[in-house]
Each structure stands twice: as C-alpha cells, then as structure tokens.
Amino acid sequence: MIKYTQTIGQGRRNALKILFSKVIAVVMLWLCAASGISASAQSTGKCTVKGVSLTLTGNIGVDFFIEMDSQSSVTSFDLDGPQGKITVSAKDLRPVENGGNKGCYKLSYSVSAQQGSQRITLRANDDNGICALYRSDGEKRFESDKASFSVIDYIVKVKGDSRARKALKELADALDTYVKSSPQENDHAREKYENAKENYRRMLLDGSKADSIDIKDTDGQGRNYTFEYNAQQFKAEFSYRIDGKENWRIYDSYLIRSRSDMIMICDRLLTLHKIHGRDMVSYRTAEDMADEWEIHNSAYDYLPQGDMKNHAKDVDFDPDDQGKSLGDFMLEKIKGK
C-alpha cells in the first residue's frame, strides 16, 4: 500500500513537471511575439572575405578585405591575435578606393616578424551574435564563421604561385628567414628582408616584364574580367557604346607602368574581344592601345587632384581614341567632350 501511494505521488509530480514546462514554453512564445522577436532569432549579417594579404610597408600587417551585402546588419568586426583582441566598428570603415580590392573594406592587424607563425582570426558581429562569414566565392562558408590567416600563410601562398614575380618570391624568402630567425640572427635577417622589400619596390616602379597574364571572365557573360598583376587584382570591362562601337576599360590602370606589360595585357584583351580602329575597318593593336595607356598615366601623374585626375586613373580603349595625343585628350576635356 505504501509503495502504491509513492508511485501515484511520483506520477503526479512528473505530470505537473510536464504541464509546467508546457506553460513556460507557451509563455516564452507569447513574450517573443509580444516583443516582436522571433522565437528562433538568427543573425542577418553576412560578409565575404574577398582577399587576404600583408601590408609590408613599415610594420607587418595582416589584411582582410571584406565585402558586405547591402542588406547586412553587421555592426562590428573582431580581430584576435598575439597582440590581443581589437574590435572595429563597421560604421568607421571606408571602402578601398584603388587596386584589385576596390570597394571592399580593409581590416588590418599588425604583428612583429617573430609573431609570423601565429594566426590572426577574424569574425563579424551583429546585434544577434556572430555573422555568417563566407569565402571569396560567396558560397562556401568558413567553419564557425571565423577566418584566420598568418604571415607564414602569405609566404606559402607566394612560394606556391607559379605566376609570382622573381622579386616577390625573393621577398617571401627573406620574410620567411626573418620570421624564423633566432635572436642572434635577427639583425641580419631583418636587413636581408628590408633589402628584398626595396628590390621589390624598385621592380614595381621599373615595371620589369611579366611572363604572362591570366584573365578570368567573372560573370560568364564576356563582359567583366579580372586579372592579377604584381600580386594585385585588376578589373577589365568590355562593352558596346550607345553608337555600337566597342570599348575596353581597365580600372586603376595608372598602377601599371611597364610598356611591355601593357602590350602583353592589351594583346590578351584583344584575343577576347577586338576593337575597331578609327576608320571602323581596321582593328586596334596592342601597341597603339599601349600608347594611349601611357598618355593616361602621364595625365594622371601631372594633373591636380580632382575629376580630371580621377578620370585618368582608368584607361578606356575605343575606336575614336586611336592615335590621339595627350594634347588631343586635354583639349577635348577643356571643351567638355
């Protein structure tokens, strides 16, 4: 009899627990609905890591280039590494204006050479927590929505790139030695690294010839392309003007200074889409396109800051511009053409 009473009592307690849990669930759902909060609130933030690189001038910095959806609710970014965690407000960021990462937001974290093997971790946040973080293709998501990169990762990337220039590979080798140097070797390794960095800078200024260029069709429509040059990504666009004449445009072309490389790049563009000459019978050549490119670069160098200088930083190739001099272009601008 006593056993039976205990069993009945236990059953009632279990039933009350179940009933109580159901009441709590209903109350929680009601509270969520009343306050306008989804019962399964999820982060609406989304970011894409379009590229990762290093800043090699002054302090060594690991750089993440971020693309944010216009509807994204990202509020901040956390960068965590050997110097501790830093938080950057999304509203304080400004888009990159030049180069292959134009339009992206740059987040940098400085490290010493001796911290080169330590990874820098990036994550994005919104009011609901950690945001979705995607790789450069915008489809594959980072595990745990955290991206990480180190100086050593950059070195491995350069050494494994068959298209990397000799001076860049020598810089990567010197940086590798500097990162792995002992305290006794540190001064010598640093000097070797600084020399390699200076040689690389001179190579960029001299514009020594690149062996080849790989141009990729980014939208599959034969209109928007990218190519990598001196470890930077550039955009090229093919279009037809209103009058039906063809046009190639290279964005931030002022950063490329080697005439031989200009010819090589233009030649590759012409294998994708030809452009008629001024007579609309013949076709433009890579050589006369390089002439026009050099004129744009000269204009960019000498013009004061303003709309005209901004226009000169991108080169447009179309039939009407074939054979024009710098004076011709300047006169057209003055006349407002």
Foldseek 3Di string as FASTA:
>chain_A
DVVVVVVVVVVVVVVVVVVVVVVVVVVLCVVCVVVVHDPPDDAQWEKEFQDWAWDDPDFIKTKTWIDTDPPGQWFWKWKAWPVGIDIGGPVPWDADCDFQSGRTTMDIDTDHLQRQVIKIKMFIAGPVGTHWYHYNVRPHTDVVRMDIDGNVNNLVVQVPDPQADPLVVQLSVLSVCCNPDDPVCNVVSVVSNVVSVVVLVVCQVQQPDGPAKDKDDPPPPLFWIWIDDNNIIWIKGWDADPVRFIKIKTAQLLSHDDLNNQLRVVQVVVVSPWGPALVNPHTDHSNQLSVQLVLLNVCLVPPDDDDSNNVSSMDMDHRNCGPDHNVRVVVCVVVPD
